[in-house]
Amino acid sequence: MTAREDGTVPAASVVDVQFQSFMADPFATIGTVYARLGLELTGDAEQRMRDFLAANPQEFAPDLTNAHL
């Protein structure tokens, strides 16, 4: 937050994401982030993300044992 507040990162380049929303529908959340940044989430980019996650399920599976939702 400090980087946004002190101008290191322009506020327009920061998108806040709710963890619960991301976990409930990660690709809808990613699409929203892209849209807010003025970027297009192409079908190819989304498929590459899905392929990566499918190939690396344990590396990116959330550990929710101590999460405070």
PDB file of N, CA and C in Angstrom:
ATOM      1  N   MET A   1       0.814  -1.181   0.000  1.00  0.00           N
ATOM      2  CA  MET A   1       0.000   0.000   0.000  1.00  0.00           C
ATOM      3  C   MET A   1       0.863   1.253   0.000  1.00  0.00           C
ATOM      4  N   THR A   2       2.001   1.204   0.640  1.00  0.00           N
ATOM      5  CA  THR A   2       2.855   2.385   0.706  1.00  0.00           C
ATOM      6  C   THR A   2       3.305   2.809  -0.680  1.00  0.00           C
ATOM      7  N   ALA A   3       3.638   1.853  -1.531  1.00  0.00           N
ATOM      8  CA  ALA A   3       4.095   2.198  -2.878  1.00  0.00           C
ATOM      9  C   ALA A   3       3.023   2.941  -3.650  1.00  0.00           C
ATOM     10  N   ARG A   4       1.778   2.567  -3.453  1.00  0.00           N
ATOM     11  CA  ARG A   4       0.674   3.282  -4.108  1.00  0.00           C
ATOM     12  C   ARG A   4       0.526   4.664  -3.489  1.00  0.00           C
ATOM     13  N   GLU A   5       0.586   4.729  -2.171  1.00  0.00           N
ATOM     14  CA  GLU A   5       0.372   5.994  -1.474  1.00  0.00           C
ATOM     15  C   GLU A   5       1.476   7.008  -1.724  1.00  0.00           C
ATOM     16  N   ASP A   6       2.726   6.530  -1.821  1.00  0.00           N
ATOM     17  CA  ASP A   6       3.817   7.485  -2.021  1.00  0.00           C
ATOM     18  C   ASP A   6       4.115   7.749  -3.495  1.00  0.00           C
ATOM     19  N   GLY A   7       3.343   7.126  -4.398  1.00  0.00           N
ATOM     20  CA  GLY A   7       3.490   7.384  -5.818  1.00  0.00           C
ATOM     21  C   GLY A   7       4.521   6.524  -6.518  1.00  0.00           C
ATOM     22  N   THR A   8       5.194   5.620  -5.812  1.00  0.00           N
ATOM     23  CA  THR A   8       6.154   4.716  -6.453  1.00  0.00           C
ATOM     24  C   THR A   8       5.465   3.931  -7.558  1.00  0.00           C
ATOM     25  N   VAL A   9       4.271   3.466  -7.264  1.00  0.00           N
ATOM     26  CA  VAL A   9       3.438   2.785  -8.251  1.00  0.00           C
ATOM     27  C   VAL A   9       2.205   3.653  -8.444  1.00  0.00           C
ATOM     28  N   PRO A  10       1.924   4.064  -9.670  1.00  0.00           N
ATOM     29  CA  PRO A  10       0.749   4.905  -9.895  1.00  0.00           C
ATOM     30  C   PRO A  10      -0.527   4.190  -9.450  1.00  0.00           C
ATOM     31  N   ALA A  11      -1.390   4.898  -8.779  1.00  0.00           N
ATOM     32  CA  ALA A  11      -2.634   4.311  -8.275  1.00  0.00           C
ATOM     33  C   ALA A  11      -3.428   3.635  -9.391  1.00  0.00           C
ATOM     34  N   ALA A  12      -3.372   4.175 -10.589  1.00  0.00           N
ATOM     35  CA  ALA A  12      -4.104   3.595 -11.715  1.00  0.00           C
ATOM     36  C   ALA A  12      -3.539   2.248 -12.151  1.00  0.00           C
ATOM     37  N   SER A  13      -2.344   1.920 -11.668  1.00  0.00           N
ATOM     38  CA  SER A  13      -1.715   0.644 -12.013  1.00  0.00           C
ATOM     39  C   SER A  13      -1.919  -0.424 -10.948  1.00  0.00           C
ATOM     40  N   VAL A  14      -2.749  -0.120  -9.970  1.00  0.00           N
ATOM     41  CA  VAL A  14      -2.995  -1.048  -8.866  1.00  0.00           C
ATOM     42  C   VAL A  14      -4.468  -1.436  -8.878  1.00  0.00           C
ATOM     43  N   VAL A  15      -4.718  -2.745  -8.784  1.00  0.00           N
ATOM     44  CA  VAL A  15      -6.081  -3.244  -8.705  1.00  0.00           C
ATOM     45  C   VAL A  15      -6.175  -4.098  -7.449  1.00  0.00           C
ATOM     46  N   ASP A  16      -7.063  -3.728  -6.556  1.00  0.00           N
ATOM     47  CA  ASP A  16      -7.281  -4.515  -5.349  1.00  0.00           C
ATOM     48  C   ASP A  16      -8.205  -5.679  -5.668  1.00  0.00           C
ATOM     49  N   VAL A  17      -7.871  -6.831  -5.109  1.00  0.00           N
ATOM     50  CA  VAL A  17      -8.636  -8.054  -5.343  1.00  0.00           C
ATOM     51  C   VAL A  17      -9.000  -8.663  -3.998  1.00  0.00           C
ATOM     52  N   GLN A  18     -10.239  -9.029  -3.844  1.00  0.00           N
ATOM     53  CA  GLN A  18     -10.678  -9.728  -2.645  1.00  0.00           C
ATOM     54  C   GLN A  18     -10.303 -11.204  -2.771  1.00  0.00           C
ATOM     55  N   PHE A  19      -9.632 -11.744  -1.772  1.00  0.00           N
ATOM     56  CA  PHE A  19      -9.190 -13.127  -1.795  1.00  0.00           C
ATOM     57  C   PHE A  19     -10.361 -14.077  -2.032  1.00  0.00           C
ATOM     58  N   GLN A  20     -11.463 -13.866  -1.336  1.00  0.00           N
ATOM     59  CA  GLN A  20     -12.617 -14.748  -1.488  1.00  0.00           C
ATOM     60  C   GLN A  20     -13.152 -14.735  -2.914  1.00  0.00           C
ATOM     61  N   SER A  21     -13.183 -13.583  -3.537  1.00  0.00           N
ATOM     62  CA  SER A  21     -13.642 -13.492  -4.922  1.00  0.00           C
ATOM     63  C   SER A  21     -12.692 -14.234  -5.853  1.00  0.00           C
ATOM     64  N   PHE A  22     -11.409 -14.050  -5.606  1.00  0.00           N
ATOM     65  CA  PHE A  22     -10.419 -14.721  -6.449  1.00  0.00           C
ATOM     66  C   PHE A  22     -10.532 -16.236  -6.315  1.00  0.00           C
ATOM     67  N   MET A  23     -10.674 -16.719  -5.095  1.00  0.00           N
ATOM     68  CA  MET A  23     -10.770 -18.159  -4.875  1.00  0.00           C
ATOM     69  C   MET A  23     -12.075 -18.730  -5.435  1.00  0.00           C
ATOM     70  N   ALA A  24     -13.142 -17.953  -5.380  1.00  0.00           N
ATOM     71  CA  ALA A  24     -14.434 -18.413  -5.874  1.00  0.00           C
ATOM     72  C   ALA A  24     -14.455 -18.519  -7.397  1.00  0.00           C
ATOM     73  N   ASP A  25     -13.816 -17.578  -8.077  1.00  0.00           N
ATOM     74  CA  ASP A  25     -13.818 -17.568  -9.546  1.00  0.00           C
ATOM     75  C   ASP A  25     -12.569 -16.855 -10.041  1.00  0.00           C
ATOM     76  N   PRO A  26     -11.443 -17.564 -10.021  1.00  0.00           N
ATOM     77  CA  PRO A  26     -10.174 -16.909 -10.342  1.00  0.00           C
ATOM     78  C   PRO A  26     -10.132 -16.257 -11.725  1.00  0.00           C
ATOM     79  N   PHE A  27     -10.716 -16.903 -12.721  1.00  0.00           N
ATOM     80  CA  PHE A  27     -10.589 -16.334 -14.060  1.00  0.00           C
ATOM     81  C   PHE A  27     -11.527 -15.155 -14.291  1.00  0.00           C
ATOM     82  N   ALA A  28     -12.640 -15.116 -13.607  1.00  0.00           N
ATOM     83  CA  ALA A  28     -13.472 -13.903 -13.663  1.00  0.00           C
ATOM     84  C   ALA A  28     -12.721 -12.751 -13.006  1.00  0.00           C
ATOM     85  N   THR A  29     -12.051 -13.048 -11.884  1.00  0.00           N
ATOM     86  CA  THR A  29     -11.282 -12.017 -11.187  1.00  0.00           C
ATOM     87  C   THR A  29     -10.123 -11.532 -12.053  1.00  0.00           C
ATOM     88  N   ILE A  30      -9.420 -12.444 -12.671  1.00  0.00           N
ATOM     89  CA  ILE A  30      -8.318 -12.072 -13.565  1.00  0.00           C
ATOM     90  C   ILE A  30      -8.838 -11.221 -14.718  1.00  0.00           C
ATOM     91  N   GLY A  31      -9.997 -11.595 -15.269  1.00  0.00           N
ATOM     92  CA  GLY A  31     -10.593 -10.803 -16.342  1.00  0.00           C
ATOM     93  C   GLY A  31     -10.909  -9.388 -15.897  1.00  0.00           C
ATOM     94  N   THR A  32     -11.400  -9.256 -14.663  1.00  0.00           N
ATOM     95  CA  THR A  32     -11.690  -7.932 -14.107  1.00  0.00           C
ATOM     96  C   THR A  32     -10.412  -7.117 -13.941  1.00  0.00           C
ATOM     97  N   VAL A  33      -9.360  -7.749 -13.462  1.00  0.00           N
ATOM     98  CA  VAL A  33      -8.075  -7.054 -13.302  1.00  0.00           C
ATOM     99  C   VAL A  33      -7.579  -6.561 -14.660  1.00  0.00           C
ATOM    100  N   TYR A  34      -7.588  -7.431 -15.639  1.00  0.00           N
ATOM    101  CA  TYR A  34      -7.150  -7.021 -16.983  1.00  0.00           C
ATOM    102  C   TYR A  34      -7.971  -5.834 -17.481  1.00  0.00           C
ATOM    103  N   ALA A  35      -9.294  -5.931 -17.336  1.00  0.00           N
ATOM    104  CA  ALA A  35     -10.172  -4.865 -17.827  1.00  0.00           C
ATOM    105  C   ALA A  35      -9.884  -3.542 -17.124  1.00  0.00           C
ATOM    106  N   ARG A  36      -9.696  -3.583 -15.820  1.00  0.00           N
ATOM    107  CA  ARG A  36      -9.421  -2.347 -15.072  1.00  0.00           C
ATOM    108  C   ARG A  36      -8.095  -1.724 -15.465  1.00  0.00           C
ATOM    109  N   LEU A  37      -7.174  -2.561 -15.932  1.00  0.00           N
ATOM    110  CA  LEU A  37      -5.878  -2.046 -16.377  1.00  0.00           C
ATOM    111  C   LEU A  37      -5.885  -1.692 -17.864  1.00  0.00           C
ATOM    112  N   GLY A  38      -7.048  -1.842 -18.497  1.00  0.00           N
ATOM    113  CA  GLY A  38      -7.164  -1.505 -19.915  1.00  0.00           C
ATOM    114  C   GLY A  38      -6.522  -2.532 -20.826  1.00  0.00           C
ATOM    115  N   LEU A  39      -6.439  -3.761 -20.341  1.00  0.00           N
ATOM    116  CA  LEU A  39      -5.818  -4.835 -21.112  1.00  0.00           C
ATOM    117  C   LEU A  39      -6.871  -5.852 -21.530  1.00  0.00           C
ATOM    118  N   GLU A  40      -6.579  -6.579 -22.589  1.00  0.00           N
ATOM    119  CA  GLU A  40      -7.477  -7.630 -23.044  1.00  0.00           C
ATOM    120  C   GLU A  40      -6.950  -8.978 -22.565  1.00  0.00           C
ATOM    121  N   LEU A  41      -7.791  -9.736 -21.906  1.00  0.00           N
ATOM    122  CA  LEU A  41      -7.435 -11.109 -21.550  1.00  0.00           C
ATOM    123  C   LEU A  41      -7.898 -11.978 -22.707  1.00  0.00           C
ATOM    124  N   THR A  42      -6.962 -12.348 -23.544  1.00  0.00           N
ATOM    125  CA  THR A  42      -7.319 -13.135 -24.715  1.00  0.00           C
ATOM    126  C   THR A  42      -7.604 -14.580 -24.314  1.00  0.00           C
ATOM    127  N   GLY A  43      -8.317 -15.263 -25.165  1.00  0.00           N
ATOM    128  CA  GLY A  43      -8.584 -16.680 -24.938  1.00  0.00           C
ATOM    129  C   GLY A  43      -7.304 -17.474 -24.850  1.00  0.00           C
ATOM    130  N   ASP A  44      -6.325 -17.107 -25.672  1.00  0.00           N
ATOM    131  CA  ASP A  44      -5.034 -17.790 -25.660  1.00  0.00           C
ATOM    132  C   ASP A  44      -4.312 -17.591 -24.326  1.00  0.00           C
ATOM    133  N   ALA A  45      -4.316 -16.360 -23.822  1.00  0.00           N
ATOM    134  CA  ALA A  45      -3.650 -16.090 -22.542  1.00  0.00           C
ATOM    135  C   ALA A  45      -4.333 -16.855 -21.415  1.00  0.00           C
ATOM    136  N   GLU A  46      -5.657 -16.836 -21.400  1.00  0.00           N
ATOM    137  CA  GLU A  46      -6.373 -17.566 -20.350  1.00  0.00           C
ATOM    138  C   GLU A  46      -6.073 -19.062 -20.444  1.00  0.00           C
ATOM    139  N   GLN A  47      -6.074 -19.601 -21.638  1.00  0.00           N
ATOM    140  CA  GLN A  47      -5.796 -21.030 -21.795  1.00  0.00           C
ATOM    141  C   GLN A  47      -4.389 -21.379 -21.334  1.00  0.00           C
ATOM    142  N   ARG A  48      -3.435 -20.517 -21.607  1.00  0.00           N
ATOM    143  CA  ARG A  48      -2.058 -20.758 -21.160  1.00  0.00           C
ATOM    144  C   ARG A  48      -1.976 -20.751 -19.635  1.00  0.00           C
ATOM    145  N   MET A  49      -2.723 -19.849 -18.993  1.00  0.00           N
ATOM    146  CA  MET A  49      -2.768 -19.836 -17.522  1.00  0.00           C
ATOM    147  C   MET A  49      -3.383 -21.131 -17.004  1.00  0.00           C
ATOM    148  N   ARG A  50      -4.486 -21.546 -17.622  1.00  0.00           N
ATOM    149  CA  ARG A  50      -5.147 -22.784 -17.204  1.00  0.00           C
ATOM    150  C   ARG A  50      -4.227 -23.991 -17.396  1.00  0.00           C
ATOM    151  N   ASP A  51      -3.534 -24.030 -18.506  1.00  0.00           N
ATOM    152  CA  ASP A  51      -2.605 -25.135 -18.775  1.00  0.00           C
ATOM    153  C   ASP A  51      -1.482 -25.163 -17.749  1.00  0.00           C
ATOM    154  N   PHE A  52      -0.954 -23.995 -17.416  1.00  0.00           N
ATOM    155  CA  PHE A  52       0.115 -23.911 -16.424  1.00  0.00           C
ATOM    156  C   PHE A  52      -0.364 -24.422 -15.073  1.00  0.00           C
ATOM    157  N   LEU A  53      -1.541 -23.978 -14.650  1.00  0.00           N
ATOM    158  CA  LEU A  53      -2.076 -24.416 -13.360  1.00  0.00           C
ATOM    159  C   LEU A  53      -2.351 -25.914 -13.351  1.00  0.00           C
ATOM    160  N   ALA A  54      -2.840 -26.444 -14.463  1.00  0.00           N
ATOM    161  CA  ALA A  54      -3.102 -27.879 -14.544  1.00  0.00           C
ATOM    162  C   ALA A  54      -1.803 -28.685 -14.463  1.00  0.00           C
ATOM    163  N   ALA A  55      -0.741 -28.144 -15.033  1.00  0.00           N
ATOM    164  CA  ALA A  55       0.555 -28.837 -15.022  1.00  0.00           C
ATOM    165  C   ALA A  55       1.287 -28.684 -13.697  1.00  0.00           C
ATOM    166  N   ASN A  56       0.884 -27.726 -12.866  1.00  0.00           N
ATOM    167  CA  ASN A  56       1.561 -27.438 -11.598  1.00  0.00           C
ATOM    168  C   ASN A  56       0.551 -27.301 -10.459  1.00  0.00           C
ATOM    169  N   PRO A  57      -0.294 -28.295 -10.249  1.00  0.00           N
ATOM    170  CA  PRO A  57      -1.377 -28.118  -9.281  1.00  0.00           C
ATOM    171  C   PRO A  57      -0.916 -27.934  -7.841  1.00  0.00           C
ATOM    172  N   GLN A  58       0.120 -28.596  -7.429  1.00  0.00           N
ATOM    173  CA  GLN A  58       0.555 -28.505  -6.034  1.00  0.00           C
ATOM    174  C   GLN A  58       1.277 -27.194  -5.737  1.00  0.00           C
ATOM    175  N   GLU A  59       1.969 -26.656  -6.698  1.00  0.00           N
ATOM    176  CA  GLU A  59       2.720 -25.423  -6.470  1.00  0.00           C
ATOM    177  C   GLU A  59       1.812 -24.233  -6.192  1.00  0.00           C
ATOM    178  N   PHE A  60       0.635 -24.250  -6.770  1.00  0.00           N
ATOM    179  CA  PHE A  60      -0.225 -23.076  -6.686  1.00  0.00           C
ATOM    180  C   PHE A  60      -1.541 -23.357  -5.988  1.00  0.00           C
ATOM    181  N   ALA A  61      -1.658 -24.513  -5.347  1.00  0.00           N
ATOM    182  CA  ALA A  61      -2.848 -24.797  -4.563  1.00  0.00           C
ATOM    183  C   ALA A  61      -2.767 -23.998  -3.267  1.00  0.00           C
ATOM    184  N   PRO A  62      -3.818 -23.311  -2.930  1.00  0.00           N
ATOM    185  CA  PRO A  62      -3.760 -22.496  -1.701  1.00  0.00           C
ATOM    186  C   PRO A  62      -3.747 -23.369  -0.456  1.00  0.00           C
ATOM    187  N   ASP A  63      -2.981 -22.932   0.513  1.00  0.00           N
ATOM    188  CA  ASP A  63      -2.982 -23.570   1.827  1.00  0.00           C
ATOM    189  C   ASP A  63      -3.865 -22.713   2.714  1.00  0.00           C
ATOM    190  N   LEU A  64      -5.065 -23.188   2.935  1.00  0.00           N
ATOM    191  CA  LEU A  64      -6.040 -22.398   3.673  1.00  0.00           C
ATOM    192  C   LEU A  64      -6.152 -22.796   5.132  1.00  0.00           C
ATOM    193  N   THR A  65      -5.184 -23.559   5.624  1.00  0.00           N
ATOM    194  CA  THR A  65      -5.281 -24.042   6.996  1.00  0.00           C
ATOM    195  C   THR A  65      -5.294 -22.913   8.008  1.00  0.00           C
ATOM    196  N   ASN A  66      -4.640 -21.805   7.708  1.00  0.00           N
ATOM    197  CA  ASN A  66      -4.605 -20.672   8.646  1.00  0.00           C
ATOM    198  C   ASN A  66      -5.207 -19.404   8.042  1.00  0.00           C
ATOM    199  N   ALA A  67      -5.975 -19.562   6.972  1.00  0.00           N
ATOM    200  CA  ALA A  67      -6.557 -18.385   6.328  1.00  0.00           C
ATOM    201  C   ALA A  67      -7.679 -17.816   7.173  1.00  0.00           C
ATOM    202  N   HIS A  68      -7.760 -16.528   7.218  1.00  0.00           N
ATOM    203  CA  HIS A  68      -8.840 -15.836   7.924  1.00  0.00           C
ATOM    204  C   HIS A  68      -9.766 -15.237   6.895  1.00  0.00           C
ATOM    205  N   LEU A  69     -10.791 -15.994   6.562  1.00  0.00           N
ATOM    206  CA  LEU A  69     -11.690 -15.557   5.489  1.00  0.00           C
ATOM    207  C   LEU A  69     -12.823 -14.755   6.023  1.00  0.00           C
TER     208      LEU A  69
END
